[in-house]
Amino acid sequence: MTWQLVSQSFRLLRADPKLAIFPVLSAAGVLTLSLPFLFLAFTGQDIHRGAGTWLLAFAWYAAVSFVTIFFNCALAACVQLRLAGQTPSISAGLSRAASRVHVILLWALFTSTVGRMLQLLEERAGWVGRIVLGMVGLSWNLATFLIVPVLVMEEAGVVDSLRRSAALLRQTWGEQLISTIAFGWFGLLFAIPGIVLGALAANGYPALIAPAVLWFAALFASFTAASEIFTVVLYRYATSGQPPTGYGAAALSGALRRR
């Protein structure tokens, strides 16, 4: 059933392709934030490692998280309008995300702190500790899988949004795992043409560099948008029990066991 829902998410994206603009805007924002670090890397300048450097790296990490979450929330808002039978606009999605910017910022700081702490612990742990931390990380990812639609669709703070997302875990954890696998396999399949173009470009056909880059950019935008569509659909059905427009009740009821 999950494979059917994933394919339906791509069909919704095909019906409203402007939804793919949000991942592009997110990537542009992340690239802009990364330019100073890329400049240092390409110029070969030494970076002094210290407390100041660590704080700067964390600030960058949190800023990237904020940009990513903000545009994901804008995308989720548009998907919500689309599933409700309305015609969403880019400005409507951005406006809704902007109205929740304070919560999005706090969540970005919170999740960045948790992510960084897990990374630091994993760097210092043995193989048993890494297994345990891997399980903790998986549990965290599952518990926060629906955090974006919760942030943008419910008037709750960071702590309540986290609790809400975690509570929905009981109904959706199986679909979260399977959807990740489904999108991964689809992504691998559709990456093959880009890999072929890239291989040819690296072996005497430089004119194929641009098509390869464009292919992977389109792949990233479409899969990111479709994944967020799936998340919103899962959230809507888990909270209301009503199938969104364009999605069959049988597929959703078979995918989720309401408790």
Protein backbone atom coordinates (compact mmCIF):
# COMPACT_ATOMS: atom_id res chain seq x y z
CA MET A 1 0.00 0.00 0.00
CA THR A 2 2.85 2.39 0.81
CA TRP A 3 4.27 2.07 -2.70
CA GLN A 4 0.88 3.09 -4.07
CA LEU A 5 0.79 6.14 -1.79
CA VAL A 6 4.32 7.12 -2.85
CA SER A 7 3.34 6.96 -6.52
CA GLN A 8 0.22 9.02 -5.77
CA SER A 9 2.43 11.65 -4.18
CA PHE A 10 4.42 11.91 -7.40
CA ARG A 11 1.17 12.22 -9.37
CA LEU A 12 0.07 15.11 -7.17
CA LEU A 13 3.44 16.77 -7.78
CA ARG A 14 2.99 16.30 -11.52
CA ALA A 15 -0.41 17.99 -11.25
CA ASP A 16 1.12 20.94 -9.37
CA PRO A 17 4.81 21.09 -10.35
CA LYS A 18 5.40 24.48 -8.72
CA LEU A 19 5.62 22.61 -5.41
CA ALA A 20 9.13 21.59 -6.48
CA ILE A 21 10.21 25.24 -6.26
CA PHE A 22 10.47 25.05 -2.47
CA PRO A 23 13.31 22.47 -2.43
CA VAL A 24 15.11 24.64 -5.01
CA LEU A 25 14.76 27.70 -2.77
CA SER A 26 15.96 25.65 0.19
CA ALA A 27 19.02 24.41 -1.71
CA ALA A 28 19.81 27.96 -2.84
CA GLY A 29 19.65 29.17 0.76
CA VAL A 30 21.90 26.37 2.00
CA LEU A 31 24.40 27.05 -0.80
CA THR A 32 24.47 30.75 0.08
CA LEU A 33 25.16 29.97 3.73
CA SER A 34 27.92 27.55 2.69
CA LEU A 35 29.77 29.93 0.36
CA PRO A 36 32.26 31.23 3.00
CA PHE A 37 33.21 27.69 3.98
CA LEU A 38 33.50 26.61 0.35
CA PHE A 39 35.77 29.59 -0.31
CA LEU A 40 38.07 28.57 2.56
CA ALA A 41 38.12 24.98 1.33
CA PHE A 42 38.97 25.88 -2.29
CA THR A 43 41.62 28.43 -1.32
CA GLY A 44 43.31 25.95 1.01
CA GLN A 45 43.31 28.29 4.00
CA ASP A 46 43.91 26.75 7.39
CA ILE A 47 41.03 26.87 9.85
CA HIS A 48 42.01 27.26 13.48
CA ARG A 49 40.14 24.73 15.56
CA GLY A 50 38.85 26.15 18.81
CA ALA A 51 35.77 27.16 20.73
CA GLY A 52 35.07 30.01 18.30
CA THR A 53 35.28 27.68 15.33
CA TRP A 54 32.98 25.18 17.01
CA LEU A 55 30.39 27.88 17.73
CA LEU A 56 30.62 29.14 14.13
CA ALA A 57 30.14 25.62 12.80
CA PHE A 58 27.12 25.12 15.06
CA ALA A 59 25.65 28.45 13.96
CA TRP A 60 26.01 27.35 10.33
CA TYR A 61 24.47 23.97 11.12
CA ALA A 62 21.51 25.61 12.87
CA ALA A 63 21.06 28.14 10.05
CA VAL A 64 21.01 25.38 7.45
CA SER A 65 18.45 23.50 9.54
CA PHE A 66 16.30 26.61 9.80
CA VAL A 67 16.36 27.28 6.06
CA THR A 68 15.54 23.66 5.25
CA ILE A 69 12.71 23.40 7.78
CA PHE A 70 11.26 26.80 6.81
CA PHE A 71 10.88 25.89 3.14
CA ASN A 72 9.64 22.41 4.02
CA CYS A 73 6.95 24.06 6.15
CA ALA A 74 6.05 26.37 3.25
CA LEU A 75 5.78 23.34 0.98
CA ALA A 76 3.66 21.47 3.54
CA ALA A 77 1.31 24.46 3.80
CA CYS A 78 0.81 24.42 0.03
CA VAL A 79 0.22 20.67 0.03
CA GLN A 80 -2.37 21.13 2.76
CA LEU A 81 -4.21 23.69 0.63
CA ARG A 82 -3.95 21.46 -2.44
CA LEU A 83 -5.36 18.44 -0.61
CA ALA A 84 -8.20 20.62 0.65
CA GLY A 85 -9.22 21.31 -2.95
CA GLN A 86 -7.73 24.80 -3.17
CA THR A 87 -5.14 26.17 -5.58
CA PRO A 88 -2.08 27.10 -3.51
CA SER A 89 0.40 29.80 -4.43
CA ILE A 90 4.07 30.09 -3.57
CA SER A 91 3.35 33.24 -1.58
CA ALA A 92 0.63 31.49 0.43
CA GLY A 93 3.05 28.77 1.51
CA LEU A 94 5.77 31.27 2.40
CA SER A 95 3.27 33.41 4.29
CA ARG A 96 2.10 30.48 6.41
CA ALA A 97 5.66 29.43 7.18
CA ALA A 98 6.54 33.04 8.05
CA SER A 99 3.64 33.15 10.52
CA ARG A 100 5.30 30.24 12.36
CA VAL A 101 8.87 31.46 11.97
CA HIS A 102 9.47 31.79 15.72
CA VAL A 103 8.54 28.16 16.34
CA ILE A 104 10.50 27.01 13.28
CA LEU A 105 13.58 28.87 14.55
CA LEU A 106 13.34 27.32 18.01
CA TRP A 107 12.84 23.88 16.51
CA ALA A 108 15.85 24.36 14.22
CA LEU A 109 18.01 25.24 17.23
CA PHE A 110 16.66 22.31 19.22
CA THR A 111 17.06 19.66 16.53
CA SER A 112 20.51 21.02 15.61
CA THR A 113 21.61 20.66 19.23
CA VAL A 114 20.33 17.09 19.42
CA GLY A 115 21.92 16.19 16.08
CA ARG A 116 25.27 17.70 16.98
CA MET A 117 25.31 16.00 20.39
CA LEU A 118 24.64 12.61 18.80
CA GLN A 119 27.47 13.22 16.31
CA LEU A 120 29.93 14.15 19.07
CA LEU A 121 28.96 11.10 21.14
CA GLU A 122 29.28 8.80 18.14
CA GLU A 123 32.79 10.10 17.39
CA ARG A 124 33.88 9.11 20.90
CA ALA A 125 31.97 5.85 21.26
CA GLY A 126 33.08 2.31 20.57
CA TRP A 127 31.27 -0.02 18.24
CA VAL A 128 28.68 -0.98 20.88
CA GLY A 129 28.08 2.66 21.67
CA ARG A 130 27.69 3.45 17.99
CA ILE A 131 25.04 0.77 17.63
CA VAL A 132 23.15 2.18 20.62
CA LEU A 133 23.48 5.74 19.32
CA GLY A 134 22.36 4.56 15.89
CA MET A 135 19.19 3.18 17.45
CA VAL A 136 18.69 6.43 19.36
CA GLY A 137 19.11 8.38 16.14
CA LEU A 138 16.62 6.14 14.34
CA SER A 139 14.10 6.60 17.15
CA TRP A 140 14.59 10.37 16.99
CA ASN A 141 14.05 10.41 13.23
CA LEU A 142 10.87 8.38 13.56
CA ALA A 143 9.54 10.52 16.39
CA THR A 144 10.14 13.71 14.41
CA PHE A 145 9.05 12.36 11.02
CA LEU A 146 5.77 14.33 11.11
CA ILE A 147 7.17 17.42 12.83
CA VAL A 148 6.95 19.66 9.74
CA PRO A 149 3.18 19.31 9.18
CA VAL A 150 2.64 19.58 12.94
CA LEU A 151 4.68 22.79 13.10
CA VAL A 152 2.85 24.43 10.22
CA MET A 153 -0.69 23.13 10.72
CA GLU A 154 -1.11 23.23 14.48
CA GLU A 155 -0.80 26.26 16.72
CA ALA A 156 1.57 24.65 19.20
CA GLY A 157 4.99 25.39 20.58
CA VAL A 158 8.14 23.37 20.04
CA VAL A 159 7.70 20.99 22.98
CA ASP A 160 4.02 20.32 22.25
CA SER A 161 4.78 19.85 18.54
CA LEU A 162 7.45 17.29 19.39
CA ARG A 163 5.05 15.46 21.70
CA ARG A 164 2.38 15.50 19.01
CA SER A 165 4.73 14.11 16.36
CA ALA A 166 5.94 11.42 18.76
CA ALA A 167 2.36 10.48 19.66
CA LEU A 168 1.54 9.97 15.97
CA LEU A 169 4.54 7.61 15.80
CA ARG A 170 2.36 4.80 17.21
CA GLN A 171 0.17 4.90 14.10
CA THR A 172 2.74 5.68 11.41
CA TRP A 173 6.10 4.15 12.32
CA GLY A 174 5.77 1.26 9.87
CA GLU A 175 4.86 3.57 7.01
CA GLN A 176 7.73 5.90 7.87
CA LEU A 177 10.25 3.08 7.51
CA ILE A 178 8.71 1.65 4.36
CA SER A 179 8.32 5.07 2.70
CA THR A 180 12.00 5.80 3.35
CA ILE A 181 12.91 2.55 1.61
CA ALA A 182 10.46 3.23 -1.23
CA PHE A 183 11.78 6.73 -1.92
CA GLY A 184 15.33 5.41 -1.65
CA TRP A 185 14.74 2.72 -4.29
CA PHE A 186 12.91 5.13 -6.57
CA GLY A 187 15.73 7.63 -6.16
CA LEU A 188 18.37 5.05 -6.98
CA LEU A 189 16.47 3.97 -10.07
CA PHE A 190 16.01 7.49 -11.42
CA ALA A 191 19.61 8.43 -10.59
CA ILE A 192 20.94 5.93 -13.15
CA PRO A 193 20.55 8.26 -16.20
CA GLY A 194 22.36 11.02 -14.32
CA ILE A 195 25.15 8.65 -13.32
CA VAL A 196 25.52 7.56 -16.95
CA LEU A 197 25.66 11.18 -18.12
CA GLY A 198 28.21 12.00 -15.42
CA ALA A 199 30.38 9.01 -16.36
CA LEU A 200 30.32 9.99 -20.02
CA ALA A 201 31.16 13.61 -19.12
CA ALA A 202 34.18 12.41 -17.13
CA ASN A 203 35.39 10.29 -20.06
CA GLY A 204 35.73 12.71 -22.92
CA TYR A 205 32.25 14.23 -23.27
CA PRO A 206 32.36 17.46 -21.20
CA ALA A 207 29.25 18.78 -22.95
CA LEU A 208 27.25 16.30 -20.86
CA ILE A 209 28.25 17.93 -17.56
CA ALA A 210 25.41 20.45 -17.67
CA PRO A 211 22.72 17.85 -18.49
CA ALA A 212 24.00 15.64 -15.66
CA VAL A 213 23.88 18.50 -13.16
CA LEU A 214 20.39 19.52 -14.29
CA TRP A 215 19.20 15.93 -14.05
CA PHE A 216 20.34 15.57 -10.44
CA ALA A 217 18.94 19.01 -9.55
CA ALA A 218 15.53 18.04 -10.96
CA LEU A 219 15.76 14.67 -9.19
CA PHE A 220 16.50 16.35 -5.86
CA ALA A 221 13.67 18.86 -6.21
CA SER A 222 11.05 16.33 -7.29
CA PHE A 223 11.90 13.67 -4.70
CA THR A 224 12.12 16.17 -1.86
CA ALA A 225 8.73 17.62 -2.81
CA ALA A 226 7.11 14.20 -3.24
CA SER A 227 8.48 13.05 0.10
CA GLU A 228 7.00 16.08 1.85
CA ILE A 229 3.67 15.48 0.08
CA PHE A 230 3.66 11.93 1.42
CA THR A 231 4.41 13.22 4.93
CA VAL A 232 1.48 15.65 4.84
CA VAL A 233 -0.87 12.96 3.51
CA LEU A 234 0.23 10.62 6.28
CA TYR A 235 -0.29 13.35 8.89
CA ARG A 236 -3.74 14.28 7.60
CA TYR A 237 -5.03 10.73 7.60
CA ALA A 238 -3.45 9.87 10.94
CA THR A 239 -5.11 12.88 12.59
CA SER A 240 -8.49 12.95 10.86
CA GLY A 241 -9.13 9.48 9.46
CA GLN A 242 -10.37 11.11 6.24
CA PRO A 243 -8.54 10.38 2.95
CA PRO A 244 -7.30 13.55 1.21
CA THR A 245 -8.59 14.39 -2.25
CA GLY A 246 -6.94 12.13 -4.82
CA TYR A 247 -6.03 9.40 -2.34
CA GLY A 248 -8.04 6.22 -1.95
CA ALA A 249 -9.48 5.36 1.44
CA ALA A 250 -8.61 1.68 0.93
CA ALA A 251 -4.91 2.43 0.38
CA LEU A 252 -4.70 4.72 3.39
CA SER A 253 -6.70 2.48 5.71
CA GLY A 254 -4.53 -0.45 4.66
CA ALA A 255 -1.39 1.58 5.27
CA LEU A 256 -2.37 2.89 8.69
CA ARG A 257 -3.91 0.93 11.52
CA ARG A 258 -5.69 3.58 13.58
CA ARG A 259 -5.52 2.94 17.31
